[in-house]
Amino acid sequence: MSRPSQLSSSSASSSYFVPPDDDTSTTQLHQQAGSIGVARTSNRPVSAFDIRDYDYSSDEDDPAHTESRFTVTPRPAPLPPIVSRNSRLSARPIEKRPSGQGRFFSRKRNIVLLVVAIAIIILAAVLVPVGVVVLGPNLSKSSNNSNSSGGGDSGPTGGTNSTNPDGSGSPAPGSDTPSWAIGSVLDISTWLDKTDFNLTFTNSTVGGMSIMGLNSTWDNSARANMNVPPLTEAFNYTETPMRGVNIGGWLILEPFITPSFFEIYDLSQGIVDEYTLSAHLGDNAKDTFETHYMSFITEQTFSDIRDAGLDHVRIPYPYWAIENLEGDPYVEKVSWRYLLRAIEWARKYGLRVNVDLHSVPGNANGWNHSGHQGQVLWLNGTMGEYYGNLTLGYHERLGEFFAQERYKNLVTLYGLVNEPNMMVLDATTVINWTSNAYDIVREKGYEGYIVFGDGFRGVSSWAGVFNQSRYPGMVLDMHQYMIFNQGLIAQPHSAKINFICQSWTSDMQMSTNPVTGHGPTIIGEWSQADTDCLRYLNNVGVGSRWEGTLNVSDPTSQVLTPSCPGGTNCSCDLANATPENYDDAYKEFLLMSAESQMTAFESNGGWGFMYWTWKTETADATQWSYERGMSAGIMPQLAYNRTYNCTNGATPDFVALGLMETY
């Protein structure tokens, strides 16, 4: 939220899909990156950030402990041809057989093959009781794949391997978890929720990301509704707009979505975001956050989203789902398996997914939904390049993971970084980083759409920056809110509807035209809220523009004069009331606001929208919850069946209908 394949199997399997010949391992990637330079090529801008080389070396005596050496090297120019991820063979000279020895070598070869076959049969008889590896549709893995989850979770390689590092082959008593994995994120006994997870142990990875919990088979036959194709077919965004919703406040906390985490503390304790809360909780953080992951969003959530006539979900997730940096208090890696399970639930109900890296090292915007509010250090300051390169490293891993066949037609949108604050960050630096991130994700094999944020620069500023001939499948993500702009929030209710139908429709027309804007455009976040009154919306302990109590530390951002229409008698009491206390005129306005925005975001070639957000804890946050809004009658009961479309009649005079402008 801004603040300024074919059917593979009809049944689940308890085995894993593991790409073959996976014999490497990896740990954390937070070694320091050196400074680099990149030569200009004919088709890519000069950048201070480029793909890194990873050199993973393991101690043969203890494969549970792996050392990674992180180096930064310039990309050669011009770029070499991309080699298929399926290619694992290297060129080698043809060996000539010595003259007169053909029969001897043939006989010797047959003996060797017989011995090997017997050994394989014996080995299979030993390993089958431990676990069976079932190969899924995707049988390839690039040389950069590694068998580790990092942070002490790496161990012997293999699909369902439960051998100890000492080679004893003895699993932990009462489980197939090897002793070296006890207490790690791979230890199922530490999982608070085991629903719909594959509970067979594996330390195998794709792109260095754990597959623990995933089944080897999947079913892509589902269809969200009759307006969109089933998951066995591609989604044509130029012909069919997406209608989706965010699952916010789940894998990254946002105080206004889940106030119960923050309201129990005194402001003097300084607990204002996930970072400070995690630090305060200490050893209790893991169970606290995992309880939230398992209860706030469930399978029923995805069923309800489908039943609302929606067809996409955007799932924000943080970098600590991959790993913590040194000194981070976050709960490391646990959210990764919940993200993967959520994607499978989306599959079950025919919902396509936008995975969104919502938080990056160093913080791209300084807001609490990036985990740690405060300074913007990503691509900024003395550590900016370091954090930028770390994030590129994550996209090497994530790009390869989501390039798997199982995610084709399902994970159709891949977000690079949420809301880079280009009001603070250098635009050229962010653009060059984005170019390199795009190349990395493509080179790792991801074929879906790659999403970049507009950085709050305006649609016209992106004309010609990422043209589709050089960057095919690159999509601009705009976040449209009326309430974080002091001028818009002061508009009367009728004027707000007109602004949506005129200005935002015009913006979409400009943005989707590659001459005047980027081209392919989505609205990744929006809300029907018409005030910024909700508690914690502007940060914990901060007031509102509406009442003139926005007492932030930055004097240039403070709003200490009421901003409601007219500027007098501005109260948040009515706006923060629960829906049963809304009067009929206010409900009519809120429904018209929502439907007019949906219309605007689908107009003029727009690719559609994702509402922020599906669920909130409390009823006073109904204007931020699609789920609660439907129950209150202020959202359409089916996203594709709407009453108002910006053209059917004049905008009502809400004052004449009895709606106060200070409401």
Foldseek 3Di string as FASTA:
>chain_A
DDFLAAAFDPDFDLAAAFAPPAFAADADDQDFEDWEWEDDEPQADTARAFDWDKDKDADLLFRLDIDIDTYGYYADPPHDDQDDQQDPDDDDDDDDDDPPCVVVVVVVVVVVVVVVVVVVVVVCVVCVVLDDHDHAPDRGAHPLFHQALHPQQHGGADRLQQAHSNRPSDDDPPASHRPSRPPHLQHCVPQPDLPQFSNRGHSGAGLNHDPHRDTRGAGQQAALDPQFDTLNDATDLLVGFAFAAEAPCQQFHACLQEVVLPPVDDVVQVPWAQQSSLVVCQPNQQVVNSVSLDPVDDLVLLVLRSQLQGAEYEYEHECQLRNDDPPGSHDHVNCVSSVVVVLRSNSVNRHAYEYAHAAFPQGQDQDRSNGHHDDRQCCDPPCNNRRLNSLLSVLLSVLLVCLDPVNRSRNQEYESYPQRQCVPHPPVNVLSSVSNSLVSSVSSRRDHAYEYEPNPPAFQVAQPSQACVSRPRYEYEYADEQASDLVSLADFLQVNLVCLLPVLLVSQLQQLDSRRGPRAYEHAEYFLQSYCQRACSNIHPAGGLQCQGRDDPDPVSGRNFHRFHVRPPQDCPQLLDFLVPDDPLVLVSLLSSQQQNQLSCPPNSHNGYYYQHAHGDDRSCLRRHPPSCVVSNSYDSHVVDGDDRSPDDRRDPSVVVVDDSSD
